[in-house]
Amino acid sequence: MKQPNRKRNVTKRRRLSAMQIAIVALGALVFLCAAAFGGYLIYENAQYQRALKNYPTAYTDLIAKYAEKYELDPYLVQSVMRCESSNDPNAQSGAGAMGLMQIMPDTGEWIAHKIDPELAYSLDMLYDPEHSIEYGCWYLRFLSDRFDGDVMQMIAAYNAGHGSVEDWLSDPRFSQDGELTTIPFEDTARYYQNVMTAYENYTALYPDLFSEAAGSGSVAG
C-alpha cells in the first residue's frame, strides 16, 4: 500500500524540479536581457559623449544674432564654423584664411565694405569673433541669394568659390536642370559632407540651442 504513495512523491518531486529549472532559466534570461540593455545604454551614452566632444558649440549668441540678421539657419552657421576652424577664433589656414569663419583677407575687405563702406577695415578684424561671424553670415546670405537657397551649392561655393560652382552648373557632367549633381573637387565634396554631418549632429544634440532664432531659415533635406 505504501509504494503508490512513494511513486506519487517521486512524480511530485520531479514536477517541482522542472518548475525550479524553468524559474532559474527565466531568471537567467531576465538577467541576460537586463545586462544586454545595460550594455546598450552604456554604449549609447559613450556615443553621445563622443558626439558632444566632436561637435561642441561656441559663440552661440553671436551666431543667433547674425543668423537672424541675415536670415540663415543658425545650425548651418555653427556647422560651417566648426568645419572651418574647429571654433578657434585664432585659426589660420595654409592658404591664408583667418578666424572662426576662415575668411580670406581680400574677401574680408570686400565684405566689410559691403556692410559698411565707411569702415576702417583691418586684418585683425578677421580674428575678432563678432566680425568673423558677421562676415561669414553675410557671405552665406550672398551665396544663398546667388544660388536660390540651394544649400549644396552654397556650401560648395563657400569652400571653392562661387565662380567654381557657376562653372560646374554650366557643365552637364556635373549638373542637370540647374541642379548640382556632382562636386568635382574632392576636397570640396568632402567639405560639404562634413558640414552636413555636423549639421545633423548639432540639430540632434542641441535641439533647443537656437530655439528663438532657428525659425529664420532652415536647411532643406
N, C-alpha and C. Protein backbone atom coordinates (compact mmCIF):
# COMPACT_ATOMS: atom_id res chain seq x y z
N MET A 1 0.82 -1.21 0.00
CA MET A 1 0.00 0.00 0.00
C MET A 1 0.85 1.27 0.00
N LYS A 2 2.08 1.18 0.45
CA LYS A 2 2.92 2.37 0.55
C LYS A 2 3.59 2.72 -0.77
N GLN A 3 3.75 1.76 -1.68
CA GLN A 3 4.51 2.02 -2.91
C GLN A 3 3.87 3.07 -3.79
N PRO A 4 2.55 3.06 -3.99
CA PRO A 4 1.93 4.10 -4.82
C PRO A 4 2.20 5.49 -4.28
N ASN A 5 2.18 5.64 -2.93
CA ASN A 5 2.48 6.96 -2.36
C ASN A 5 3.90 7.40 -2.69
N ARG A 6 4.84 6.40 -2.66
CA ARG A 6 6.22 6.73 -3.00
C ARG A 6 6.34 7.20 -4.44
N LYS A 7 5.58 6.55 -5.33
CA LYS A 7 5.61 6.95 -6.74
C LYS A 7 5.07 8.35 -6.92
N ARG A 8 3.98 8.63 -6.16
CA ARG A 8 3.40 9.98 -6.27
C ARG A 8 4.38 11.03 -5.76
N ASN A 9 5.09 10.71 -4.70
CA ASN A 9 6.07 11.65 -4.16
C ASN A 9 7.22 11.90 -5.15
N VAL A 10 7.66 10.82 -5.82
CA VAL A 10 8.73 10.97 -6.81
C VAL A 10 8.26 11.84 -7.96
N THR A 11 7.03 11.58 -8.42
CA THR A 11 6.48 12.38 -9.51
C THR A 11 6.35 13.84 -9.11
N LYS A 12 5.94 14.08 -7.87
CA LYS A 12 5.79 15.46 -7.38
C LYS A 12 7.13 16.16 -7.32
N ARG A 13 8.16 15.39 -6.84
CA ARG A 13 9.49 15.99 -6.77
C ARG A 13 10.01 16.32 -8.16
N ARG A 14 9.72 15.45 -9.10
CA ARG A 14 10.15 15.71 -10.48
C ARG A 14 9.48 16.96 -11.03
N ARG A 15 8.18 17.08 -10.71
CA ARG A 15 7.46 18.28 -11.17
C ARG A 15 8.05 19.54 -10.55
N LEU A 16 8.35 19.48 -9.27
CA LEU A 16 8.96 20.63 -8.61
C LEU A 16 10.31 20.95 -9.22
N SER A 17 11.08 19.94 -9.53
CA SER A 17 12.40 20.17 -10.13
C SER A 17 12.27 20.83 -11.49
N ALA A 18 11.31 20.40 -12.31
CA ALA A 18 11.09 21.00 -13.62
C ALA A 18 10.68 22.45 -13.48
N MET A 19 9.81 22.73 -12.48
CA MET A 19 9.39 24.11 -12.24
C MET A 19 10.57 24.96 -11.79
N GLN A 20 11.40 24.41 -10.91
CA GLN A 20 12.57 25.15 -10.45
C GLN A 20 13.52 25.46 -11.60
N ILE A 21 13.71 24.48 -12.49
CA ILE A 21 14.57 24.69 -13.66
C ILE A 21 14.02 25.81 -14.54
N ALA A 22 12.68 25.80 -14.73
CA ALA A 22 12.05 26.83 -15.55
C ALA A 22 12.23 28.20 -14.93
N ILE A 23 12.10 28.27 -13.60
CA ILE A 23 12.26 29.56 -12.91
C ILE A 23 13.69 30.05 -13.03
N VAL A 24 14.64 29.14 -12.83
CA VAL A 24 16.06 29.52 -12.97
C VAL A 24 16.37 30.00 -14.38
N ALA A 25 15.83 29.27 -15.38
CA ALA A 25 16.07 29.64 -16.77
C ALA A 25 15.47 31.02 -17.08
N LEU A 26 14.24 31.24 -16.55
CA LEU A 26 13.60 32.54 -16.77
C LEU A 26 14.40 33.65 -16.10
N GLY A 27 14.89 33.39 -14.89
CA GLY A 27 15.70 34.39 -14.19
C GLY A 27 16.97 34.70 -14.94
N ALA A 28 17.60 33.64 -15.48
CA ALA A 28 18.82 33.85 -16.26
C ALA A 28 18.54 34.67 -17.51
N LEU A 29 17.39 34.38 -18.15
CA LEU A 29 17.03 35.13 -19.34
C LEU A 29 16.79 36.60 -19.03
N VAL A 30 16.08 36.85 -17.91
CA VAL A 30 15.84 38.24 -17.49
C VAL A 30 17.15 38.95 -17.20
N PHE A 31 18.06 38.25 -16.52
CA PHE A 31 19.37 38.83 -16.20
C PHE A 31 20.15 39.17 -17.46
N LEU A 32 20.14 38.24 -18.42
CA LEU A 32 20.87 38.48 -19.67
C LEU A 32 20.28 39.66 -20.44
N CYS A 33 18.95 39.72 -20.44
CA CYS A 33 18.29 40.85 -21.13
C CYS A 33 18.63 42.17 -20.45
N ALA A 34 18.61 42.17 -19.12
CA ALA A 34 18.94 43.38 -18.37
C ALA A 34 20.39 43.79 -18.61
N ALA A 35 21.28 42.78 -18.63
CA ALA A 35 22.70 43.06 -18.87
C ALA A 35 22.90 43.62 -20.28
N ALA A 36 22.20 43.01 -21.25
CA ALA A 36 22.32 43.49 -22.63
C ALA A 36 21.79 44.91 -22.77
N PHE A 37 20.66 45.19 -22.12
CA PHE A 37 20.09 46.54 -22.19
C PHE A 37 21.00 47.54 -21.49
N GLY A 38 21.57 47.12 -20.35
CA GLY A 38 22.52 48.00 -19.66
C GLY A 38 23.73 48.28 -20.51
N GLY A 39 24.23 47.23 -21.20
CA GLY A 39 25.36 47.43 -22.10
C GLY A 39 25.02 48.37 -23.25
N TYR A 40 23.78 48.24 -23.76
CA TYR A 40 23.34 49.12 -24.83
C TYR A 40 23.29 50.57 -24.35
N LEU A 41 22.77 50.78 -23.13
CA LEU A 41 22.70 52.14 -22.60
C LEU A 41 24.10 52.73 -22.40
N ILE A 42 25.02 51.89 -21.91
CA ILE A 42 26.40 52.36 -21.74
C ILE A 42 27.01 52.73 -23.09
N TYR A 43 26.76 51.89 -24.10
CA TYR A 43 27.28 52.18 -25.44
C TYR A 43 26.68 53.46 -26.00
N GLU A 44 25.36 53.61 -25.84
CA GLU A 44 24.70 54.81 -26.35
C GLU A 44 25.21 56.07 -25.65
N ASN A 45 25.43 55.98 -24.35
CA ASN A 45 25.94 57.13 -23.61
C ASN A 45 27.35 57.47 -24.06
N ALA A 46 28.17 56.44 -24.31
CA ALA A 46 29.53 56.68 -24.79
C ALA A 46 29.50 57.37 -26.16
N GLN A 47 28.58 56.91 -27.02
CA GLN A 47 28.44 57.54 -28.34
C GLN A 47 27.98 58.99 -28.20
N TYR A 48 27.07 59.22 -27.29
CA TYR A 48 26.56 60.57 -27.06
C TYR A 48 27.66 61.49 -26.55
N GLN A 49 28.44 61.01 -25.59
CA GLN A 49 29.53 61.82 -25.05
C GLN A 49 30.59 62.09 -26.11
N ARG A 50 30.85 61.11 -26.98
CA ARG A 50 31.81 61.30 -28.06
C ARG A 50 31.31 62.35 -29.04
N ALA A 51 30.01 62.30 -29.33
CA ALA A 51 29.44 63.28 -30.25
C ALA A 51 29.50 64.69 -29.65
N LEU A 52 29.22 64.82 -28.35
CA LEU A 52 29.31 66.13 -27.71
C LEU A 52 30.74 66.68 -27.80
N LYS A 53 31.71 65.79 -27.63
CA LYS A 53 33.11 66.21 -27.71
C LYS A 53 33.49 66.62 -29.13
N ASN A 54 32.97 65.88 -30.11
CA ASN A 54 33.32 66.17 -31.52
C ASN A 54 32.58 67.37 -32.07
N TYR A 55 31.42 67.69 -31.49
CA TYR A 55 30.61 68.79 -32.01
C TYR A 55 30.24 69.77 -30.89
N PRO A 56 31.24 70.45 -30.35
CA PRO A 56 30.95 71.44 -29.31
C PRO A 56 30.36 72.71 -29.92
N THR A 57 29.64 73.45 -29.13
CA THR A 57 29.10 74.73 -29.58
C THR A 57 30.02 75.86 -29.14
N ALA A 58 29.92 76.99 -29.79
CA ALA A 58 30.74 78.15 -29.42
C ALA A 58 30.11 79.41 -30.01
N TYR A 59 30.20 80.51 -29.26
CA TYR A 59 29.73 81.82 -29.72
C TYR A 59 28.28 81.75 -30.22
N THR A 60 27.47 81.00 -29.51
CA THR A 60 26.09 80.80 -29.98
C THR A 60 25.27 82.09 -29.95
N ASP A 61 25.60 83.00 -29.03
CA ASP A 61 24.87 84.27 -29.00
C ASP A 61 25.14 85.09 -30.25
N LEU A 62 26.39 85.09 -30.70
CA LEU A 62 26.74 85.83 -31.93
C LEU A 62 26.17 85.13 -33.16
N ILE A 63 26.21 83.82 -33.16
CA ILE A 63 25.63 83.08 -34.29
C ILE A 63 24.14 83.37 -34.40
N ALA A 64 23.43 83.30 -33.26
CA ALA A 64 21.99 83.59 -33.27
C ALA A 64 21.72 85.01 -33.76
N LYS A 65 22.52 85.96 -33.30
CA LYS A 65 22.33 87.36 -33.67
C LYS A 65 22.47 87.57 -35.17
N TYR A 66 23.54 87.06 -35.75
CA TYR A 66 23.80 87.35 -37.17
C TYR A 66 23.08 86.38 -38.11
N ALA A 67 22.76 85.18 -37.63
CA ALA A 67 21.92 84.30 -38.44
C ALA A 67 20.53 84.91 -38.60
N GLU A 68 20.03 85.51 -37.53
CA GLU A 68 18.73 86.18 -37.62
C GLU A 68 18.82 87.41 -38.53
N LYS A 69 19.89 88.19 -38.40
CA LYS A 69 20.04 89.39 -39.21
C LYS A 69 20.08 89.06 -40.70
N TYR A 70 20.77 87.96 -41.05
CA TYR A 70 20.93 87.62 -42.46
C TYR A 70 20.03 86.46 -42.89
N GLU A 71 19.05 86.14 -42.06
CA GLU A 71 18.02 85.14 -42.39
C GLU A 71 18.64 83.80 -42.78
N LEU A 72 19.45 83.27 -41.88
CA LEU A 72 20.11 81.99 -42.09
C LEU A 72 19.70 81.03 -40.99
N ASP A 73 19.87 79.75 -41.25
CA ASP A 73 19.70 78.74 -40.22
C ASP A 73 20.94 78.78 -39.32
N PRO A 74 20.78 79.10 -38.03
CA PRO A 74 21.96 79.21 -37.15
C PRO A 74 22.71 77.89 -37.01
N TYR A 75 22.00 76.77 -37.12
CA TYR A 75 22.69 75.48 -37.05
C TYR A 75 23.64 75.31 -38.24
N LEU A 76 23.27 75.83 -39.38
CA LEU A 76 24.15 75.74 -40.54
C LEU A 76 25.39 76.61 -40.31
N VAL A 77 25.21 77.79 -39.73
CA VAL A 77 26.34 78.66 -39.44
C VAL A 77 27.28 77.98 -38.45
N GLN A 78 26.73 77.41 -37.39
CA GLN A 78 27.55 76.70 -36.42
C GLN A 78 28.30 75.54 -37.07
N SER A 79 27.65 74.84 -37.99
CA SER A 79 28.26 73.70 -38.68
C SER A 79 29.41 74.15 -39.56
N VAL A 80 29.21 75.23 -40.29
CA VAL A 80 30.28 75.77 -41.13
C VAL A 80 31.46 76.21 -40.27
N MET A 81 31.16 76.90 -39.17
CA MET A 81 32.23 77.39 -38.30
C MET A 81 33.04 76.24 -37.70
N ARG A 82 32.34 75.20 -37.30
CA ARG A 82 33.04 74.04 -36.73
C ARG A 82 33.95 73.41 -37.78
N CYS A 83 33.46 73.27 -39.01
CA CYS A 83 34.27 72.64 -40.06
C CYS A 83 35.39 73.55 -40.56
N GLU A 84 35.17 74.85 -40.48
CA GLU A 84 36.19 75.78 -40.96
C GLU A 84 37.35 75.93 -39.97
N SER A 85 37.03 76.10 -38.69
CA SER A 85 38.06 76.49 -37.73
C SER A 85 38.07 75.67 -36.44
N SER A 86 37.19 74.68 -36.34
CA SER A 86 37.01 73.96 -35.07
C SER A 86 36.69 74.93 -33.94
N ASN A 87 35.98 76.00 -34.28
CA ASN A 87 35.54 77.03 -33.31
C ASN A 87 36.70 77.81 -32.69
N ASP A 88 37.83 77.85 -33.38
CA ASP A 88 39.02 78.55 -32.88
C ASP A 88 39.11 79.93 -33.53
N PRO A 89 38.95 81.01 -32.77
CA PRO A 89 38.98 82.36 -33.37
C PRO A 89 40.34 82.74 -33.91
N ASN A 90 41.40 82.04 -33.51
CA ASN A 90 42.75 82.36 -33.97
C ASN A 90 43.23 81.45 -35.08
N ALA A 91 42.33 80.65 -35.62
CA ALA A 91 42.72 79.70 -36.67
C ALA A 91 43.18 80.43 -37.92
N GLN A 92 44.17 79.84 -38.59
CA GLN A 92 44.64 80.36 -39.87
C GLN A 92 45.03 79.18 -40.74
N SER A 93 44.53 79.18 -41.96
CA SER A 93 44.81 78.07 -42.88
C SER A 93 46.10 78.31 -43.64
N GLY A 94 46.58 77.26 -44.27
CA GLY A 94 47.78 77.39 -45.09
C GLY A 94 47.58 78.33 -46.25
N ALA A 95 46.33 78.48 -46.70
CA ALA A 95 46.03 79.39 -47.82
C ALA A 95 45.88 80.83 -47.36
N GLY A 96 45.83 81.05 -46.03
CA GLY A 96 45.74 82.41 -45.51
C GLY A 96 44.38 82.81 -44.99
N ALA A 97 43.41 81.89 -44.98
CA ALA A 97 42.10 82.20 -44.43
C ALA A 97 42.22 82.35 -42.92
N MET A 98 41.41 83.24 -42.36
CA MET A 98 41.61 83.63 -40.97
C MET A 98 40.32 83.59 -40.15
N GLY A 99 40.49 83.28 -38.86
CA GLY A 99 39.40 83.42 -37.91
C GLY A 99 38.40 82.29 -37.90
N LEU A 100 37.34 82.49 -37.13
CA LEU A 100 36.32 81.47 -36.93
C LEU A 100 35.71 80.98 -38.23
N MET A 101 35.41 81.91 -39.11
CA MET A 101 34.74 81.55 -40.37
C MET A 101 35.71 81.44 -41.53
N GLN A 102 37.01 81.52 -41.22
CA GLN A 102 38.07 81.35 -42.21
C GLN A 102 37.85 82.20 -43.47
N ILE A 103 37.83 83.49 -43.24
CA ILE A 103 37.66 84.46 -44.32
C ILE A 103 39.03 84.84 -44.87
N MET A 104 39.17 84.85 -46.18
CA MET A 104 40.40 85.31 -46.82
C MET A 104 40.50 86.83 -46.67
N PRO A 105 41.71 87.36 -46.53
CA PRO A 105 41.86 88.81 -46.31
C PRO A 105 41.15 89.68 -47.35
N ASP A 106 41.33 89.37 -48.63
CA ASP A 106 40.69 90.18 -49.67
C ASP A 106 39.16 90.07 -49.61
N THR A 107 38.68 88.84 -49.34
CA THR A 107 37.24 88.64 -49.21
C THR A 107 36.70 89.40 -48.00
N GLY A 108 37.47 89.38 -46.92
CA GLY A 108 37.06 90.10 -45.72
C GLY A 108 36.93 91.59 -45.97
N GLU A 109 37.88 92.16 -46.71
CA GLU A 109 37.82 93.59 -47.01
C GLU A 109 36.61 93.90 -47.89
N TRP A 110 36.37 93.05 -48.87
CA TRP A 110 35.22 93.23 -49.76
C TRP A 110 33.91 93.17 -48.97
N ILE A 111 33.78 92.16 -48.09
CA ILE A 111 32.56 92.02 -47.28
C ILE A 111 32.41 93.22 -46.35
N ALA A 112 33.50 93.61 -45.70
CA ALA A 112 33.44 94.71 -44.73
C ALA A 112 32.92 95.98 -45.38
N HIS A 113 33.37 96.27 -46.59
CA HIS A 113 32.94 97.49 -47.27
C HIS A 113 31.54 97.36 -47.88
N LYS A 114 31.10 96.11 -48.09
CA LYS A 114 29.70 95.90 -48.49
C LYS A 114 28.77 96.19 -47.31
N ILE A 115 29.20 95.79 -46.14
CA ILE A 115 28.39 96.03 -44.93
C ILE A 115 28.43 97.50 -44.54
N ASP A 116 29.62 98.08 -44.57
CA ASP A 116 29.79 99.48 -44.17
C ASP A 116 30.89 100.12 -45.02
N PRO A 117 30.53 100.86 -46.05
CA PRO A 117 31.53 101.46 -46.94
C PRO A 117 32.51 102.40 -46.21
N GLU A 118 32.11 102.91 -45.07
CA GLU A 118 32.95 103.85 -44.33
C GLU A 118 33.86 103.16 -43.31
N LEU A 119 33.77 101.85 -43.22
CA LEU A 119 34.50 101.13 -42.20
C LEU A 119 36.01 101.18 -42.45
N ALA A 120 36.78 101.43 -41.41
CA ALA A 120 38.24 101.36 -41.48
C ALA A 120 38.64 99.90 -41.26
N TYR A 121 38.75 99.17 -42.33
CA TYR A 121 38.99 97.72 -42.27
C TYR A 121 40.44 97.42 -41.92
N SER A 122 40.63 96.37 -41.11
CA SER A 122 41.98 95.88 -40.84
C SER A 122 41.92 94.36 -40.72
N LEU A 123 43.05 93.70 -40.98
CA LEU A 123 43.08 92.23 -40.93
C LEU A 123 42.75 91.69 -39.55
N ASP A 124 43.06 92.44 -38.52
CA ASP A 124 42.78 91.97 -37.17
C ASP A 124 41.29 91.70 -36.95
N MET A 125 40.45 92.36 -37.73
CA MET A 125 39.01 92.15 -37.59
C MET A 125 38.62 90.70 -37.86
N LEU A 126 39.38 90.03 -38.70
CA LEU A 126 39.04 88.66 -39.05
C LEU A 126 39.28 87.69 -37.89
N TYR A 127 40.07 88.11 -36.92
CA TYR A 127 40.29 87.29 -35.73
C TYR A 127 39.31 87.63 -34.62
N ASP A 128 38.56 88.70 -34.80
CA ASP A 128 37.55 89.07 -33.82
C ASP A 128 36.30 88.23 -34.05
N PRO A 129 35.84 87.48 -33.04
CA PRO A 129 34.70 86.58 -33.25
C PRO A 129 33.47 87.26 -33.83
N GLU A 130 33.14 88.45 -33.35
CA GLU A 130 31.92 89.09 -33.85
C GLU A 130 32.05 89.49 -35.31
N HIS A 131 33.18 90.08 -35.69
CA HIS A 131 33.36 90.45 -37.09
C HIS A 131 33.40 89.20 -37.98
N SER A 132 34.12 88.18 -37.53
CA SER A 132 34.24 86.97 -38.33
C SER A 132 32.88 86.31 -38.57
N ILE A 133 32.08 86.20 -37.52
CA ILE A 133 30.77 85.57 -37.66
C ILE A 133 29.85 86.42 -38.52
N GLU A 134 29.88 87.73 -38.34
CA GLU A 134 29.03 88.56 -39.19
C GLU A 134 29.47 88.46 -40.65
N TYR A 135 30.78 88.51 -40.91
CA TYR A 135 31.25 88.43 -42.29
C TYR A 135 30.88 87.07 -42.90
N GLY A 136 31.04 86.00 -42.11
CA GLY A 136 30.68 84.68 -42.62
C GLY A 136 29.19 84.58 -42.92
N CYS A 137 28.37 85.15 -42.03
CA CYS A 137 26.92 85.13 -42.27
C CYS A 137 26.53 85.97 -43.47
N TRP A 138 27.16 87.13 -43.60
CA TRP A 138 26.88 87.98 -44.77
C TRP A 138 27.20 87.22 -46.05
N TYR A 139 28.34 86.53 -46.05
CA TYR A 139 28.77 85.82 -47.25
C TYR A 139 27.85 84.63 -47.54
N LEU A 140 27.42 83.92 -46.51
CA LEU A 140 26.47 82.82 -46.71
C LEU A 140 25.15 83.34 -47.27
N ARG A 141 24.71 84.52 -46.79
CA ARG A 141 23.50 85.13 -47.34
C ARG A 141 23.69 85.49 -48.81
N PHE A 142 24.85 86.04 -49.12
CA PHE A 142 25.19 86.39 -50.51
C PHE A 142 25.14 85.13 -51.39
N LEU A 143 25.69 84.03 -50.90
CA LEU A 143 25.70 82.79 -51.66
C LEU A 143 24.30 82.19 -51.75
N SER A 144 23.52 82.32 -50.68
CA SER A 144 22.14 81.83 -50.71
C SER A 144 21.33 82.56 -51.78
N ASP A 145 21.49 83.87 -51.85
CA ASP A 145 20.78 84.65 -52.86
C ASP A 145 21.26 84.29 -54.26
N ARG A 146 22.54 84.07 -54.39
CA ARG A 146 23.12 83.78 -55.70
C ARG A 146 22.68 82.42 -56.23
N PHE A 147 22.51 81.47 -55.32
CA PHE A 147 22.18 80.11 -55.73
C PHE A 147 20.78 79.69 -55.28
N ASP A 148 19.90 80.66 -55.13
CA ASP A 148 18.48 80.41 -54.84
C ASP A 148 18.29 79.51 -53.62
N GLY A 149 19.12 79.69 -52.61
CA GLY A 149 18.95 78.95 -51.37
C GLY A 149 19.36 77.50 -51.42
N ASP A 150 19.98 77.06 -52.51
CA ASP A 150 20.42 75.67 -52.60
C ASP A 150 21.62 75.46 -51.68
N VAL A 151 21.42 74.65 -50.63
CA VAL A 151 22.45 74.50 -49.60
C VAL A 151 23.71 73.84 -50.15
N MET A 152 23.56 72.85 -51.00
CA MET A 152 24.73 72.18 -51.57
C MET A 152 25.60 73.17 -52.35
N GLN A 153 24.95 74.00 -53.15
CA GLN A 153 25.69 74.98 -53.93
C GLN A 153 26.30 76.06 -53.05
N MET A 154 25.55 76.48 -52.03
CA MET A 154 26.06 77.48 -51.09
C MET A 154 27.33 77.00 -50.40
N ILE A 155 27.26 75.79 -49.84
CA ILE A 155 28.38 75.27 -49.07
C ILE A 155 29.58 74.98 -49.97
N ALA A 156 29.30 74.45 -51.15
CA ALA A 156 30.40 74.22 -52.10
C ALA A 156 31.06 75.53 -52.48
N ALA A 157 30.26 76.57 -52.67
CA ALA A 157 30.79 77.88 -53.04
C ALA A 157 31.57 78.51 -51.89
N TYR A 158 31.14 78.27 -50.67
CA TYR A 158 31.87 78.81 -49.51
C TYR A 158 33.28 78.24 -49.49
N ASN A 159 33.42 77.00 -49.92
CA ASN A 159 34.72 76.34 -49.91
C ASN A 159 35.53 76.59 -51.18
N ALA A 160 34.88 76.50 -52.33
CA ALA A 160 35.62 76.54 -53.60
C ALA A 160 35.47 77.85 -54.35
N GLY A 161 34.56 78.72 -53.89
CA GLY A 161 34.32 79.98 -54.59
C GLY A 161 33.09 79.88 -55.47
N HIS A 162 32.33 80.98 -55.53
CA HIS A 162 31.09 80.92 -56.31
C HIS A 162 31.35 80.81 -57.80
N GLY A 163 32.52 81.29 -58.27
CA GLY A 163 32.84 81.15 -59.68
C GLY A 163 32.99 79.69 -60.08
N SER A 164 33.60 78.90 -59.21
CA SER A 164 33.76 77.47 -59.50
C SER A 164 32.41 76.78 -59.58
N VAL A 165 31.52 77.09 -58.65
CA VAL A 165 30.21 76.46 -58.65
C VAL A 165 29.42 76.87 -59.88
N GLU A 166 29.52 78.11 -60.28
CA GLU A 166 28.83 78.55 -61.50
C GLU A 166 29.35 77.81 -62.72
N ASP A 167 30.65 77.55 -62.76
CA ASP A 167 31.22 76.76 -63.87
C ASP A 167 30.66 75.34 -63.85
N TRP A 168 30.55 74.74 -62.68
CA TRP A 168 30.03 73.37 -62.59
C TRP A 168 28.58 73.32 -63.01
N LEU A 169 27.82 74.35 -62.66
CA LEU A 169 26.41 74.37 -63.03
C LEU A 169 26.19 74.48 -64.54
N SER A 170 27.17 75.02 -65.23
CA SER A 170 27.06 75.15 -66.68
C SER A 170 27.66 73.95 -67.42
N ASP A 171 28.16 72.99 -66.65
CA ASP A 171 28.80 71.80 -67.23
C ASP A 171 27.89 70.60 -67.01
N PRO A 172 27.36 69.98 -68.09
CA PRO A 172 26.44 68.85 -67.94
C PRO A 172 27.05 67.64 -67.25
N ARG A 173 28.36 67.59 -67.15
CA ARG A 173 28.99 66.48 -66.43
C ARG A 173 28.71 66.57 -64.93
N PHE A 174 28.43 67.79 -64.45
CA PHE A 174 28.31 68.00 -63.02
C PHE A 174 26.93 68.52 -62.58
N SER A 175 26.07 68.81 -63.55
CA SER A 175 24.77 69.37 -63.20
C SER A 175 23.70 68.90 -64.17
N GLN A 176 22.47 69.06 -63.71
CA GLN A 176 21.32 68.70 -64.54
C GLN A 176 20.15 69.59 -64.17
N ASP A 177 19.58 70.24 -65.17
CA ASP A 177 18.42 71.11 -64.96
C ASP A 177 18.68 72.16 -63.88
N GLY A 178 19.87 72.72 -63.89
CA GLY A 178 20.21 73.78 -62.93
C GLY A 178 20.55 73.30 -61.54
N GLU A 179 20.61 71.98 -61.34
CA GLU A 179 20.95 71.41 -60.04
C GLU A 179 22.35 70.80 -60.10
N LEU A 180 23.13 71.06 -59.09
CA LEU A 180 24.46 70.47 -59.00
C LEU A 180 24.31 69.01 -58.57
N THR A 181 24.79 68.11 -59.40
CA THR A 181 24.66 66.68 -59.09
C THR A 181 25.97 66.08 -58.59
N THR A 182 27.09 66.69 -58.97
CA THR A 182 28.40 66.19 -58.57
C THR A 182 29.31 67.36 -58.25
N ILE A 183 30.04 67.25 -57.16
CA ILE A 183 31.07 68.24 -56.83
C ILE A 183 32.40 67.66 -57.29
N PRO A 184 32.98 68.20 -58.34
CA PRO A 184 34.17 67.57 -58.91
C PRO A 184 35.45 67.73 -58.08
N PHE A 185 35.51 68.73 -57.23
CA PHE A 185 36.67 68.89 -56.35
C PHE A 185 36.52 67.96 -55.15
N GLU A 186 37.46 67.04 -55.00
CA GLU A 186 37.35 66.07 -53.91
C GLU A 186 37.32 66.75 -52.54
N ASP A 187 38.17 67.76 -52.35
CA ASP A 187 38.21 68.46 -51.06
C ASP A 187 36.88 69.16 -50.77
N THR A 188 36.29 69.75 -51.80
CA THR A 188 35.02 70.45 -51.63
C THR A 188 33.88 69.47 -51.37
N ALA A 189 33.91 68.33 -52.07
CA ALA A 189 32.88 67.30 -51.83
C ALA A 189 32.96 66.79 -50.39
N ARG A 190 34.18 66.58 -49.92
CA ARG A 190 34.37 66.12 -48.54
C ARG A 190 33.93 67.21 -47.56
N TYR A 191 34.25 68.46 -47.88
CA TYR A 191 33.86 69.57 -47.02
C TYR A 191 32.34 69.65 -46.91
N TYR A 192 31.65 69.53 -48.01
CA TYR A 192 30.18 69.58 -48.00
C TYR A 192 29.62 68.46 -47.12
N GLN A 193 30.15 67.24 -47.26
CA GLN A 193 29.68 66.13 -46.45
C GLN A 193 29.96 66.37 -44.97
N ASN A 194 31.12 66.94 -44.67
CA ASN A 194 31.46 67.23 -43.28
C ASN A 194 30.50 68.26 -42.67
N VAL A 195 30.16 69.28 -43.45
CA VAL A 195 29.22 70.30 -42.95
C VAL A 195 27.85 69.68 -42.72
N MET A 196 27.39 68.84 -43.63
CA MET A 196 26.09 68.21 -43.47
C MET A 196 26.06 67.24 -42.29
N THR A 197 27.17 66.52 -42.08
CA THR A 197 27.27 65.65 -40.92
C THR A 197 27.24 66.46 -39.63
N ALA A 198 27.97 67.57 -39.62
CA ALA A 198 27.95 68.46 -38.46
C ALA A 198 26.55 68.99 -38.22
N TYR A 199 25.87 69.37 -39.27
CA TYR A 199 24.50 69.89 -39.16
C TYR A 199 23.58 68.86 -38.52
N GLU A 200 23.66 67.62 -38.99
CA GLU A 200 22.83 66.55 -38.43
C GLU A 200 23.11 66.36 -36.94
N ASN A 201 24.38 66.41 -36.59
CA ASN A 201 24.76 66.22 -35.18
C ASN A 201 24.32 67.40 -34.32
N TYR A 202 24.53 68.61 -34.79
CA TYR A 202 24.14 69.77 -34.00
C TYR A 202 22.64 69.83 -33.77
N THR A 203 21.86 69.56 -34.80
CA THR A 203 20.41 69.62 -34.63
C THR A 203 19.91 68.49 -33.73
N ALA A 204 20.59 67.34 -33.74
CA ALA A 204 20.19 66.23 -32.89
C ALA A 204 20.65 66.42 -31.44
N LEU A 205 21.87 66.89 -31.27
CA LEU A 205 22.44 67.03 -29.93
C LEU A 205 21.89 68.22 -29.16
N TYR A 206 21.59 69.30 -29.89
CA TYR A 206 21.18 70.56 -29.24
C TYR A 206 19.87 71.08 -29.86
N PRO A 207 18.78 70.35 -29.70
CA PRO A 207 17.55 70.73 -30.39
C PRO A 207 16.99 72.09 -30.01
N ASP A 208 17.34 72.59 -28.84
CA ASP A 208 16.79 73.88 -28.38
C ASP A 208 17.84 74.98 -28.35
N LEU A 209 19.00 74.73 -28.95
CA LEU A 209 20.11 75.68 -28.85
C LEU A 209 19.75 77.03 -29.44
N PHE A 210 19.06 77.02 -30.56
CA PHE A 210 18.69 78.27 -31.23
C PHE A 210 17.18 78.35 -31.36
N SER A 211 16.48 78.01 -30.31
CA SER A 211 15.03 77.90 -30.40
C SER A 211 14.36 79.18 -30.86
N GLU A 212 14.91 80.32 -30.48
CA GLU A 212 14.29 81.60 -30.86
C GLU A 212 14.69 82.02 -32.26
N ALA A 213 15.93 81.69 -32.67
CA ALA A 213 16.42 82.16 -33.96
C ALA A 213 16.28 81.13 -35.07
N ALA A 214 16.01 79.86 -34.72
CA ALA A 214 16.04 78.81 -35.71
C ALA A 214 14.98 78.96 -36.78
N GLY A 215 13.94 79.73 -36.51
CA GLY A 215 12.89 79.89 -37.49
C GLY A 215 13.24 80.81 -38.64
N SER A 216 14.40 81.49 -38.55
CA SER A 216 14.79 82.44 -39.58
C SER A 216 15.10 81.76 -40.90
N GLY A 217 15.57 80.52 -40.84
CA GLY A 217 15.91 79.80 -42.05
C GLY A 217 16.11 78.35 -41.68
N SER A 218 16.08 77.46 -42.65
CA SER A 218 16.30 76.05 -42.36
C SER A 218 16.91 75.36 -43.56
N VAL A 219 17.63 74.28 -43.28
CA VAL A 219 18.24 73.51 -44.35
C VAL A 219 17.25 72.47 -44.83
N ALA A 220 16.94 72.51 -46.10
CA ALA A 220 16.03 71.53 -46.66
C ALA A 220 16.72 70.19 -46.77
N GLY A 221 15.98 69.12 -46.47
CA GLY A 221 16.55 67.79 -46.53
C GLY A 221 16.65 67.29 -47.96
